[in-house]
Protein backbone atom coordinates (compact mmCIF):
# COMPACT_ATOMS: atom_id res chain seq x y z
CA MET A 1 18.41 0.47 7.23
CA LYS A 2 15.67 0.28 4.60
CA VAL A 3 12.08 0.31 5.82
CA ILE A 4 8.48 -0.07 4.74
CA TYR A 5 6.16 2.12 6.81
CA LYS A 6 2.49 2.85 7.26
CA ILE A 7 1.19 6.37 7.84
CA ILE A 8 -2.14 6.50 9.67
CA TYR A 9 -4.20 9.69 9.29
CA PRO A 10 -6.86 10.95 11.73
CA ASN A 11 -9.60 9.59 9.45
CA ASP A 12 -7.98 6.11 9.72
CA LYS A 13 -6.96 6.13 6.06
CA ILE A 14 -3.42 4.90 5.48
CA TYR A 15 -0.46 5.37 3.21
CA ILE A 16 2.21 2.69 2.72
CA GLY A 17 5.66 3.82 1.68
CA LYS A 18 9.32 2.97 1.63
CA ASP A 19 12.36 4.80 2.91
CA LEU A 20 15.77 3.68 1.77
CA THR A 21 17.52 5.81 4.40
CA ASP A 22 15.32 5.21 7.50
CA SER A 23 14.83 8.94 8.06
CA ILE A 24 12.72 9.61 11.16
CA ASN A 25 11.36 12.75 9.51
CA TYR A 26 10.26 11.22 6.18
CA PHE A 27 6.52 10.72 5.80
CA GLY A 28 6.27 9.74 2.16
CA SER A 29 4.90 11.34 -0.95
CA ALA A 30 1.15 10.86 -0.66
CA SER A 31 -0.85 13.31 -2.76
CA ASN A 32 -1.64 16.55 -0.92
CA LYS A 33 -4.73 17.01 -3.10
CA LEU A 34 -6.16 13.62 -2.13
CA ILE A 35 -5.59 14.16 1.58
CA GLU A 36 -6.89 17.75 1.55
CA LYS A 37 -10.26 16.55 0.26
CA ASP A 38 -10.82 14.47 3.39
CA PHE A 39 -10.30 17.24 5.98
CA THR A 40 -12.01 20.53 6.64
CA ARG A 41 -10.05 23.70 7.20
CA GLU A 42 -10.88 23.44 10.91
CA GLU A 43 -9.68 19.82 11.12
CA ARG A 44 -6.40 20.81 9.49
CA LYS A 45 -5.61 23.21 12.34
CA SER A 46 -4.70 20.35 14.67
CA PHE A 47 -3.58 17.30 12.76
CA THR A 48 -1.83 14.23 14.12
CA ILE A 49 -0.52 11.37 12.01
CA ARG A 50 1.22 8.20 13.11
CA LYS A 51 4.12 6.43 11.41
CA GLN A 52 4.54 2.71 11.99
CA ILE A 53 7.47 0.66 10.67
CA LEU A 54 6.08 -2.54 9.14
CA TRP A 55 9.29 -4.08 7.81
CA GLU A 56 13.00 -3.31 7.86
CA SER A 57 16.18 -4.72 6.37
CA GLU A 58 19.86 -3.87 6.43
CA THR A 59 20.62 -6.13 3.47
CA ALA A 60 17.71 -5.86 1.00
CA THR A 61 18.42 -4.38 -2.41
CA ASP A 62 16.40 -1.39 -3.61
CA LYS A 63 14.57 -3.74 -5.98
CA GLU A 64 13.60 -6.02 -3.09
CA VAL A 65 12.36 -3.03 -1.08
CA ASN A 66 10.27 -1.87 -4.06
CA GLN A 67 8.71 -5.34 -4.33
CA LYS A 68 8.05 -5.44 -0.59
CA GLU A 69 6.36 -2.02 -0.75
CA VAL A 70 3.93 -3.23 -3.45
CA GLU A 71 3.26 -6.37 -1.41
CA TYR A 72 2.30 -4.28 1.64
CA ILE A 73 0.18 -1.87 -0.43
CA LYS A 74 -1.79 -4.80 -1.81
CA ASN A 75 -2.00 -6.56 1.57
CA TYR A 76 -3.31 -3.46 3.38
CA ARG A 77 -5.37 -2.38 0.34
CA SER A 78 -4.04 1.15 0.81
CA ASN A 79 -4.50 1.73 -2.94
CA ASN A 80 -8.28 1.41 -2.44
CA PRO A 81 -9.46 5.04 -2.18
CA SER A 82 -11.82 4.13 0.67
CA VAL A 83 -8.91 2.66 2.67
CA GLY A 84 -5.84 4.70 1.81
CA TYR A 85 -3.94 7.23 -0.23
CA ASN A 86 -1.65 5.04 -2.35
CA GLN A 87 -2.39 5.61 -6.04
CA TRP A 88 -0.14 2.86 -7.32
CA PRO A 89 -0.51 0.06 -8.13
CA LYS A 90 -3.94 0.96 -9.47
CA PHE A 91 -6.72 -0.47 -7.32
CA LYS A 92 -8.91 -3.03 -9.07
CA SER A 93 -12.26 -3.57 -7.39
CA THR A 94 -13.65 -7.08 -7.47
């Protein structure tokens, strides 16, 4: 199963990612440096994130999953630094 997921952090910022293997323990590759900036040392001592599957497919090609990931990133605006931690595609403010 291939999936597109949303990670929700305690500050309500999100990260949208894809997993081509549907691993329950995969939480993406968001930048540690970006996330660290948003939390104090004390806040990092007890940290809960949530993973939500937004889309799944048993038949989609990797290319289709990549396209779907970009679609979700744009739809949720998770590449907007005030909303989320995706750094690609580059956010263009209007």
